[in-house]
Amino acid sequence: MKTVNNMRAIRVKFLPPTNTQGTRIKLIEQLYQTTDTITLSYDYAIGNGTDQAIQLLQGKGINILGKSDIKGETVLFSDSWARGENEFITIKK
């Protein structure tokens, strides 16, 4: 039987503008008993929330291997967990 690698799943959610806030995207990663989130202003120069999320994550050293769309959200898959031996790479700023 082929070994299946363990991956990180990072959800990307589009948040439409409200009366008080502009368009945003939210990245969500649930690990065990914790949830890390980051909310970003939508970058119209990039023009796509998923691409904006990928650029941010790759800039943090998180390698994106693939994506899937589920119920209006995009799920990004990564095999990047740590820098070196003990430094976990978080999605937070």
PDB file of N, CA and C in Angstrom:
ATOM      1  N   MET A   1       0.846  -1.187   0.000  1.00  0.00           N
ATOM      2  CA  MET A   1       0.000   0.000   0.000  1.00  0.00           C
ATOM      3  C   MET A   1       0.887   1.244   0.000  1.00  0.00           C
ATOM      4  N   LYS A   2       0.526   2.215  -0.802  1.00  0.00           N
ATOM      5  CA  LYS A   2       1.296   3.449  -0.905  1.00  0.00           C
ATOM      6  C   LYS A   2       1.104   4.304   0.348  1.00  0.00           C
ATOM      7  N   THR A   3       2.193   4.923   0.826  1.00  0.00           N
ATOM      8  CA  THR A   3       2.128   5.813   1.988  1.00  0.00           C
ATOM      9  C   THR A   3       1.475   7.133   1.589  1.00  0.00           C
ATOM     10  N   VAL A   4       0.576   7.611   2.415  1.00  0.00           N
ATOM     11  CA  VAL A   4      -0.086   8.895   2.184  1.00  0.00           C
ATOM     12  C   VAL A   4       0.552   9.913   3.123  1.00  0.00           C
ATOM     13  N   ASN A   5       1.070  10.986   2.546  1.00  0.00           N
ATOM     14  CA  ASN A   5       1.739  12.020   3.338  1.00  0.00           C
ATOM     15  C   ASN A   5       0.739  12.862   4.119  1.00  0.00           C
ATOM     16  N   ASN A   6       1.156  13.298   5.297  1.00  0.00           N
ATOM     17  CA  ASN A   6       0.358  14.189   6.120  1.00  0.00           C
ATOM     18  C   ASN A   6       0.534  15.610   5.604  1.00  0.00           C
ATOM     19  N   MET A   7      -0.553  16.326   5.390  1.00  0.00           N
ATOM     20  CA  MET A   7      -0.522  17.683   4.845  1.00  0.00           C
ATOM     21  C   MET A   7      -1.201  18.671   5.788  1.00  0.00           C
ATOM     22  N   ARG A   8      -0.795  19.908   5.658  1.00  0.00           N
ATOM     23  CA  ARG A   8      -1.499  21.006   6.312  1.00  0.00           C
ATOM     24  C   ARG A   8      -2.642  21.426   5.400  1.00  0.00           C
ATOM     25  N   ALA A   9      -3.759  21.818   5.983  1.00  0.00           N
ATOM     26  CA  ALA A   9      -4.895  22.341   5.223  1.00  0.00           C
ATOM     27  C   ALA A   9      -5.183  23.751   5.743  1.00  0.00           C
ATOM     28  N   ILE A  10      -5.069  24.729   4.859  1.00  0.00           N
ATOM     29  CA  ILE A  10      -5.289  26.126   5.224  1.00  0.00           C
ATOM     30  C   ILE A  10      -6.466  26.620   4.388  1.00  0.00           C
ATOM     31  N   ARG A  11      -7.541  27.003   5.066  1.00  0.00           N
ATOM     32  CA  ARG A  11      -8.747  27.477   4.388  1.00  0.00           C
ATOM     33  C   ARG A  11      -8.612  28.961   4.052  1.00  0.00           C
ATOM     34  N   VAL A  12      -9.083  29.345   2.879  1.00  0.00           N
ATOM     35  CA  VAL A  12      -9.107  30.739   2.446  1.00  0.00           C
ATOM     36  C   VAL A  12     -10.559  31.106   2.191  1.00  0.00           C
ATOM     37  N   LYS A  13     -11.033  32.106   2.929  1.00  0.00           N
ATOM     38  CA  LYS A  13     -12.432  32.504   2.859  1.00  0.00           C
ATOM     39  C   LYS A  13     -12.523  33.958   2.409  1.00  0.00           C
ATOM     40  N   PHE A  14     -13.389  34.247   1.451  1.00  0.00           N
ATOM     41  CA  PHE A  14     -13.633  35.600   0.962  1.00  0.00           C
ATOM     42  C   PHE A  14     -14.652  36.274   1.879  1.00  0.00           C
ATOM     43  N   LEU A  15     -14.335  37.473   2.361  1.00  0.00           N
ATOM     44  CA  LEU A  15     -15.253  38.226   3.215  1.00  0.00           C
ATOM     45  C   LEU A  15     -15.684  39.481   2.451  1.00  0.00           C
ATOM     46  N   PRO A  16     -16.955  39.576   2.086  1.00  0.00           N
ATOM     47  CA  PRO A  16     -17.413  40.728   1.310  1.00  0.00           C
ATOM     48  C   PRO A  16     -17.385  42.008   2.148  1.00  0.00           C
ATOM     49  N   PRO A  17     -17.438  43.164   1.476  1.00  0.00           N
ATOM     50  CA  PRO A  17     -17.415  44.428   2.212  1.00  0.00           C
ATOM     51  C   PRO A  17     -18.676  44.608   3.060  1.00  0.00           C
ATOM     52  N   THR A  18     -18.518  45.353   4.131  1.00  0.00           N
ATOM     53  CA  THR A  18     -19.640  45.708   5.000  1.00  0.00           C
ATOM     54  C   THR A  18     -19.767  47.228   5.003  1.00  0.00           C
ATOM     55  N   ASN A  19     -20.642  47.760   5.845  1.00  0.00           N
ATOM     56  CA  ASN A  19     -20.780  49.212   5.968  1.00  0.00           C
ATOM     57  C   ASN A  19     -19.535  49.854   6.571  1.00  0.00           C
ATOM     58  N   THR A  20     -18.740  49.076   7.310  1.00  0.00           N
ATOM     59  CA  THR A  20     -17.591  49.649   8.012  1.00  0.00           C
ATOM     60  C   THR A  20     -16.235  49.102   7.563  1.00  0.00           C
ATOM     61  N   GLN A  21     -16.216  47.984   6.815  1.00  0.00           N
ATOM     62  CA  GLN A  21     -14.949  47.385   6.389  1.00  0.00           C
ATOM     63  C   GLN A  21     -15.005  47.019   4.924  1.00  0.00           C
ATOM     64  N   GLY A  22     -13.854  47.112   4.269  1.00  0.00           N
ATOM     65  CA  GLY A  22     -13.764  46.730   2.864  1.00  0.00           C
ATOM     66  C   GLY A  22     -13.681  45.229   2.693  1.00  0.00           C
ATOM     67  N   THR A  23     -13.509  44.808   1.452  1.00  0.00           N
ATOM     68  CA  THR A  23     -13.374  43.396   1.124  1.00  0.00           C
ATOM     69  C   THR A  23     -12.111  42.839   1.773  1.00  0.00           C
ATOM     70  N   ARG A  24     -12.226  41.624   2.315  1.00  0.00           N
ATOM     71  CA  ARG A  24     -11.101  40.985   2.997  1.00  0.00           C
ATOM     72  C   ARG A  24     -11.034  39.515   2.627  1.00  0.00           C
ATOM     73  N   ILE A  25      -9.905  38.900   2.946  1.00  0.00           N
ATOM     74  CA  ILE A  25      -9.801  37.444   2.885  1.00  0.00           C
ATOM     75  C   ILE A  25      -9.325  36.970   4.259  1.00  0.00           C
ATOM     76  N   LYS A  26      -9.782  35.794   4.620  1.00  0.00           N
ATOM     77  CA  LYS A  26      -9.419  35.230   5.925  1.00  0.00           C
ATOM     78  C   LYS A  26      -8.787  33.868   5.702  1.00  0.00           C
ATOM     79  N   LEU A  27      -7.615  33.663   6.304  1.00  0.00           N
ATOM     80  CA  LEU A  27      -6.933  32.370   6.274  1.00  0.00           C
ATOM     81  C   LEU A  27      -7.167  31.691   7.612  1.00  0.00           C
ATOM     82  N   ILE A  28      -7.531  30.414   7.580  1.00  0.00           N
ATOM     83  CA  ILE A  28      -7.875  29.671   8.783  1.00  0.00           C
ATOM     84  C   ILE A  28      -7.141  28.332   8.757  1.00  0.00           C
ATOM     85  N   GLU A  29      -6.434  28.040   9.854  1.00  0.00           N
ATOM     86  CA  GLU A  29      -5.770  26.738   9.987  1.00  0.00           C
ATOM     87  C   GLU A  29      -6.131  26.159  11.346  1.00  0.00           C
ATOM     88  N   GLN A  30      -6.774  24.994  11.337  1.00  0.00           N
ATOM     89  CA  GLN A  30      -7.157  24.318  12.571  1.00  0.00           C
ATOM     90  C   GLN A  30      -6.199  23.162  12.809  1.00  0.00           C
ATOM     91  N   LEU A  31      -5.532  23.204  13.967  1.00  0.00           N
ATOM     92  CA  LEU A  31      -4.590  22.154  14.346  1.00  0.00           C
ATOM     93  C   LEU A  31      -4.947  21.659  15.736  1.00  0.00           C
ATOM     94  N   TYR A  32      -5.280  20.413  15.832  1.00  0.00           N
ATOM     95  CA  TYR A  32      -5.595  19.790  17.121  1.00  0.00           C
ATOM     96  C   TYR A  32      -6.615  20.636  17.876  1.00  0.00           C
ATOM     97  N   GLN A  33      -6.247  21.272  18.976  1.00  0.00           N
ATOM     98  CA  GLN A  33      -7.174  22.058  19.785  1.00  0.00           C
ATOM     99  C   GLN A  33      -7.051  23.565  19.549  1.00  0.00           C
ATOM    100  N   THR A  34      -6.279  23.998  18.566  1.00  0.00           N
ATOM    101  CA  THR A  34      -6.076  25.424  18.324  1.00  0.00           C
ATOM    102  C   THR A  34      -6.508  25.798  16.907  1.00  0.00           C
ATOM    103  N   THR A  35      -6.837  27.056  16.743  1.00  0.00           N
ATOM    104  CA  THR A  35      -7.159  27.591  15.429  1.00  0.00           C
ATOM    105  C   THR A  35      -6.380  28.879  15.254  1.00  0.00           C
ATOM    106  N   ASP A  36      -5.593  28.950  14.183  1.00  0.00           N
ATOM    107  CA  ASP A  36      -4.889  30.181  13.831  1.00  0.00           C
ATOM    108  C   ASP A  36      -5.643  30.836  12.686  1.00  0.00           C
ATOM    109  N   THR A  37      -5.851  32.156  12.795  1.00  0.00           N
ATOM    110  CA  THR A  37      -6.503  32.891  11.722  1.00  0.00           C
ATOM    111  C   THR A  37      -5.741  34.171  11.444  1.00  0.00           C
ATOM    112  N   ILE A  38      -5.864  34.636  10.228  1.00  0.00           N
ATOM    113  CA  ILE A  38      -5.319  35.928   9.848  1.00  0.00           C
ATOM    114  C   ILE A  38      -6.296  36.517   8.827  1.00  0.00           C
ATOM    115  N   THR A  39      -6.624  37.786   8.998  1.00  0.00           N
ATOM    116  CA  THR A  39      -7.518  38.478   8.078  1.00  0.00           C
ATOM    117  C   THR A  39      -6.741  39.584   7.381  1.00  0.00           C
ATOM    118  N   LEU A  40      -6.840  39.617   6.053  1.00  0.00           N
ATOM    119  CA  LEU A  40      -6.098  40.576   5.239  1.00  0.00           C
ATOM    120  C   LEU A  40      -7.060  41.420   4.417  1.00  0.00           C
ATOM    121  N   SER A  41      -6.715  42.662   4.190  1.00  0.00           N
ATOM    122  CA  SER A  41      -7.452  43.468   3.231  1.00  0.00           C
ATOM    123  C   SER A  41      -7.243  42.864   1.854  1.00  0.00           C
ATOM    124  N   TYR A  42      -8.297  42.838   1.078  1.00  0.00           N
ATOM    125  CA  TYR A  42      -8.213  42.291  -0.275  1.00  0.00           C
ATOM    126  C   TYR A  42      -7.309  43.186  -1.113  1.00  0.00           C
ATOM    127  N   ASP A  43      -6.370  42.585  -1.827  1.00  0.00           N
ATOM    128  CA  ASP A  43      -5.432  43.328  -2.660  1.00  0.00           C
ATOM    129  C   ASP A  43      -5.937  43.312  -4.104  1.00  0.00           C
ATOM    130  N   TYR A  44      -6.524  44.432  -4.522  1.00  0.00           N
ATOM    131  CA  TYR A  44      -7.097  44.510  -5.867  1.00  0.00           C
ATOM    132  C   TYR A  44      -6.023  44.444  -6.954  1.00  0.00           C
ATOM    133  N   ALA A  45      -4.782  44.776  -6.625  1.00  0.00           N
ATOM    134  CA  ALA A  45      -3.689  44.676  -7.596  1.00  0.00           C
ATOM    135  C   ALA A  45      -3.437  43.209  -7.959  1.00  0.00           C
ATOM    136  N   ILE A  46      -3.616  42.307  -6.995  1.00  0.00           N
ATOM    137  CA  ILE A  46      -3.473  40.869  -7.257  1.00  0.00           C
ATOM    138  C   ILE A  46      -4.742  40.361  -7.932  1.00  0.00           C
ATOM    139  N   GLY A  47      -5.894  40.790  -7.430  1.00  0.00           N
ATOM    140  CA  GLY A  47      -7.160  40.488  -8.081  1.00  0.00           C
ATOM    141  C   GLY A  47      -7.757  39.129  -7.796  1.00  0.00           C
ATOM    142  N   ASN A  48      -7.158  38.360  -6.895  1.00  0.00           N
ATOM    143  CA  ASN A  48      -7.680  37.039  -6.565  1.00  0.00           C
ATOM    144  C   ASN A  48      -7.256  36.706  -5.139  1.00  0.00           C
ATOM    145  N   GLY A  49      -8.231  36.421  -4.272  1.00  0.00           N
ATOM    146  CA  GLY A  49      -7.925  36.149  -2.869  1.00  0.00           C
ATOM    147  C   GLY A  49      -7.069  34.920  -2.651  1.00  0.00           C
ATOM    148  N   THR A  50      -7.294  33.881  -3.449  1.00  0.00           N
ATOM    149  CA  THR A  50      -6.483  32.672  -3.318  1.00  0.00           C
ATOM    150  C   THR A  50      -5.035  32.950  -3.688  1.00  0.00           C
ATOM    151  N   ASP A  51      -4.831  33.677  -4.784  1.00  0.00           N
ATOM    152  CA  ASP A  51      -3.462  34.028  -5.186  1.00  0.00           C
ATOM    153  C   ASP A  51      -2.788  34.901  -4.123  1.00  0.00           C
ATOM    154  N   GLN A  52      -3.546  35.806  -3.527  1.00  0.00           N
ATOM    155  CA  GLN A  52      -3.006  36.656  -2.458  1.00  0.00           C
ATOM    156  C   GLN A  52      -2.578  35.802  -1.271  1.00  0.00           C
ATOM    157  N   ALA A  53      -3.402  34.831  -0.898  1.00  0.00           N
ATOM    158  CA  ALA A  53      -3.070  33.934   0.215  1.00  0.00           C
ATOM    159  C   ALA A  53      -1.833  33.108  -0.100  1.00  0.00           C
ATOM    160  N   ILE A  54      -1.737  32.596  -1.309  1.00  0.00           N
ATOM    161  CA  ILE A  54      -0.580  31.790  -1.706  1.00  0.00           C
ATOM    162  C   ILE A  54       0.693  32.627  -1.633  1.00  0.00           C
ATOM    163  N   GLN A  55       0.650  33.859  -2.130  1.00  0.00           N
ATOM    164  CA  GLN A  55       1.827  34.733  -2.071  1.00  0.00           C
ATOM    165  C   GLN A  55       2.264  34.967  -0.632  1.00  0.00           C
ATOM    166  N   LEU A  56       1.302  35.231   0.256  1.00  0.00           N
ATOM    167  CA  LEU A  56       1.623  35.457   1.672  1.00  0.00           C
ATOM    168  C   LEU A  56       2.275  34.214   2.276  1.00  0.00           C
ATOM    169  N   LEU A  57       1.673  33.055   2.067  1.00  0.00           N
ATOM    170  CA  LEU A  57       2.177  31.819   2.664  1.00  0.00           C
ATOM    171  C   LEU A  57       3.547  31.442   2.119  1.00  0.00           C
ATOM    172  N   GLN A  58       3.736  31.573   0.814  1.00  0.00           N
ATOM    173  CA  GLN A  58       5.042  31.267   0.232  1.00  0.00           C
ATOM    174  C   GLN A  58       6.109  32.214   0.769  1.00  0.00           C
ATOM    175  N   GLY A  59       5.747  33.468   1.016  1.00  0.00           N
ATOM    176  CA  GLY A  59       6.677  34.423   1.606  1.00  0.00           C
ATOM    177  C   GLY A  59       7.101  34.038   3.017  1.00  0.00           C
ATOM    178  N   LYS A  60       6.267  33.246   3.699  1.00  0.00           N
ATOM    179  CA  LYS A  60       6.590  32.767   5.046  1.00  0.00           C
ATOM    180  C   LYS A  60       7.348  31.439   5.000  1.00  0.00           C
ATOM    181  N   GLY A  61       7.589  30.910   3.803  1.00  0.00           N
ATOM    182  CA  GLY A  61       8.292  29.635   3.677  1.00  0.00           C
ATOM    183  C   GLY A  61       7.372  28.433   3.665  1.00  0.00           C
ATOM    184  N   ILE A  62       6.074  28.657   3.468  1.00  0.00           N
ATOM    185  CA  ILE A  62       5.103  27.560   3.409  1.00  0.00           C
ATOM    186  C   ILE A  62       4.904  27.183   1.946  1.00  0.00           C
ATOM    187  N   ASN A  63       5.270  25.947   1.603  1.00  0.00           N
ATOM    188  CA  ASN A  63       5.180  25.444   0.240  1.00  0.00           C
ATOM    189  C   ASN A  63       3.757  24.965  -0.040  1.00  0.00           C
ATOM    190  N   ILE A  64       3.114  25.522  -1.055  1.00  0.00           N
ATOM    191  CA  ILE A  64       1.753  25.120  -1.406  1.00  0.00           C
ATOM    192  C   ILE A  64       1.821  24.060  -2.503  1.00  0.00           C
ATOM    193  N   LEU A  65       1.235  22.889  -2.228  1.00  0.00           N
ATOM    194  CA  LEU A  65       1.272  21.764  -3.164  1.00  0.00           C
ATOM    195  C   LEU A  65       0.024  21.641  -4.016  1.00  0.00           C
ATOM    196  N   GLY A  66      -1.092  22.159  -3.513  1.00  0.00           N
ATOM    197  CA  GLY A  66      -2.340  22.019  -4.260  1.00  0.00           C
ATOM    198  C   GLY A  66      -3.460  22.771  -3.577  1.00  0.00           C
ATOM    199  N   LYS A  67      -4.629  22.738  -4.211  1.00  0.00           N
ATOM    200  CA  LYS A  67      -5.792  23.415  -3.653  1.00  0.00           C
ATOM    201  C   LYS A  67      -7.054  22.677  -4.051  1.00  0.00           C
ATOM    202  N   SER A  68      -8.128  22.972  -3.305  1.00  0.00           N
ATOM    203  CA  SER A  68      -9.433  22.409  -3.588  1.00  0.00           C
ATOM    204  C   SER A  68     -10.481  23.438  -3.168  1.00  0.00           C
ATOM    205  N   ASP A  69     -11.594  23.469  -3.873  1.00  0.00           N
ATOM    206  CA  ASP A  69     -12.682  24.375  -3.517  1.00  0.00           C
ATOM    207  C   ASP A  69     -13.806  23.571  -2.883  1.00  0.00           C
ATOM    208  N   ILE A  70     -14.207  24.003  -1.672  1.00  0.00           N
ATOM    209  CA  ILE A  70     -15.253  23.312  -0.921  1.00  0.00           C
ATOM    210  C   ILE A  70     -16.208  24.343  -0.341  1.00  0.00           C
ATOM    211  N   LYS A  71     -17.474  24.296  -0.745  1.00  0.00           N
ATOM    212  CA  LYS A  71     -18.530  25.158  -0.200  1.00  0.00           C
ATOM    213  C   LYS A  71     -18.125  26.625  -0.130  1.00  0.00           C
ATOM    214  N   GLY A  72     -17.646  27.172  -1.224  1.00  0.00           N
ATOM    215  CA  GLY A  72     -17.332  28.594  -1.281  1.00  0.00           C
ATOM    216  C   GLY A  72     -16.008  28.998  -0.661  1.00  0.00           C
ATOM    217  N   GLU A  73     -15.236  28.056  -0.183  1.00  0.00           N
ATOM    218  CA  GLU A  73     -13.907  28.322   0.365  1.00  0.00           C
ATOM    219  C   GLU A  73     -12.872  27.544  -0.443  1.00  0.00           C
ATOM    220  N   THR A  74     -11.655  28.054  -0.445  1.00  0.00           N
ATOM    221  CA  THR A  74     -10.546  27.329  -1.054  1.00  0.00           C
ATOM    222  C   THR A  74      -9.712  26.731   0.066  1.00  0.00           C
ATOM    223  N   VAL A  75      -9.299  25.488  -0.090  1.00  0.00           N
ATOM    224  CA  VAL A  75      -8.416  24.834   0.863  1.00  0.00           C
ATOM    225  C   VAL A  75      -7.064  24.646   0.181  1.00  0.00           C
ATOM    226  N   LEU A  76      -6.012  25.201   0.795  1.00  0.00           N
ATOM    227  CA  LEU A  76      -4.651  25.065   0.281  1.00  0.00           C
ATOM    228  C   LEU A  76      -3.945  23.952   1.040  1.00  0.00           C
ATOM    229  N   PHE A  77      -3.192  23.119   0.340  1.00  0.00           N
ATOM    230  CA  PHE A  77      -2.483  22.006   0.959  1.00  0.00           C
ATOM    231  C   PHE A  77      -0.983  22.261   0.926  1.00  0.00           C
ATOM    232  N   SER A  78      -0.326  21.969   2.042  1.00  0.00           N
ATOM    233  CA  SER A  78       1.105  22.221   2.167  1.00  0.00           C
ATOM    234  C   SER A  78       1.776  21.074   2.906  1.00  0.00           C
ATOM    235  N   ASP A  79       3.056  20.871   2.596  1.00  0.00           N
ATOM    236  CA  ASP A  79       3.860  19.894   3.325  1.00  0.00           C
ATOM    237  C   ASP A  79       4.899  20.587   4.205  1.00  0.00           C
ATOM    238  N   SER A  80       4.824  21.906   4.308  1.00  0.00           N
ATOM    239  CA  SER A  80       5.791  22.677   5.109  1.00  0.00           C
ATOM    240  C   SER A  80       5.290  22.808   6.538  1.00  0.00           C
ATOM    241  N   TRP A  81       6.081  22.318   7.478  1.00  0.00           N
ATOM    242  CA  TRP A  81       5.689  22.368   8.885  1.00  0.00           C
ATOM    243  C   TRP A  81       6.636  23.210   9.719  1.00  0.00           C
ATOM    244  N   ALA A  82       7.929  23.120   9.450  1.00  0.00           N
ATOM    245  CA  ALA A  82       8.901  23.772  10.339  1.00  0.00           C
ATOM    246  C   ALA A  82      10.103  24.266   9.554  1.00  0.00           C
ATOM    247  N   ARG A  83      10.751  25.260  10.132  1.00  0.00           N
ATOM    248  CA  ARG A  83      12.055  25.739   9.670  1.00  0.00           C
ATOM    249  C   ARG A  83      13.067  25.132  10.614  1.00  0.00           C
ATOM    250  N   GLY A  84      13.942  24.320  10.102  1.00  0.00           N
ATOM    251  CA  GLY A  84      14.927  23.693  10.983  1.00  0.00           C
ATOM    252  C   GLY A  84      14.294  22.617  11.837  1.00  0.00           C
ATOM    253  N   GLU A  85      14.849  22.430  13.033  1.00  0.00           N
ATOM    254  CA  GLU A  85      14.409  21.349  13.922  1.00  0.00           C
ATOM    255  C   GLU A  85      13.151  21.672  14.720  1.00  0.00           C
ATOM    256  N   ASN A  86      13.058  22.898  15.280  1.00  0.00           N
ATOM    257  CA  ASN A  86      12.010  23.165  16.259  1.00  0.00           C
ATOM    258  C   ASN A  86      11.115  24.361  15.972  1.00  0.00           C
ATOM    259  N   GLU A  87      11.338  25.084  14.897  1.00  0.00           N
ATOM    260  CA  GLU A  87      10.574  26.304  14.668  1.00  0.00           C
ATOM    261  C   GLU A  87       9.382  26.033  13.747  1.00  0.00           C
ATOM    262  N   PHE A  88       8.192  25.908  14.325  1.00  0.00           N
ATOM    263  CA  PHE A  88       6.964  25.670  13.561  1.00  0.00           C
ATOM    264  C   PHE A  88       6.640  26.940  12.776  1.00  0.00           C
ATOM    265  N   ILE A  89       6.274  26.783  11.498  1.00  0.00           N
ATOM    266  CA  ILE A  89       5.902  27.925  10.665  1.00  0.00           C
ATOM    267  C   ILE A  89       4.406  28.174  10.845  1.00  0.00           C
ATOM    268  N   THR A  90       4.052  29.295  11.419  1.00  0.00           N
ATOM    269  CA  THR A  90       2.652  29.637  11.633  1.00  0.00           C
ATOM    270  C   THR A  90       2.149  30.528  10.508  1.00  0.00           C
ATOM    271  N   ILE A  91       0.828  30.542  10.303  1.00  0.00           N
ATOM    272  CA  ILE A  91       0.268  31.425   9.288  1.00  0.00           C
ATOM    273  C   ILE A  91       0.154  32.861   9.801  1.00  0.00           C
ATOM    274  N   LYS A  92       0.220  33.013  11.119  1.00  0.00           N
ATOM    275  CA  LYS A  92       0.076  34.357  11.698  1.00  0.00           C
ATOM    276  C   LYS A  92       1.239  35.241  11.308  1.00  0.00           C
ATOM    277  N   LYS A  93       1.005  36.550  11.351  1.00  0.00           N
ATOM    278  CA  LYS A  93       2.076  37.515  11.016  1.00  0.00           C
ATOM    279  C   LYS A  93       3.105  37.563  12.114  1.00  0.00           C
TER     280      LYS A  93
END
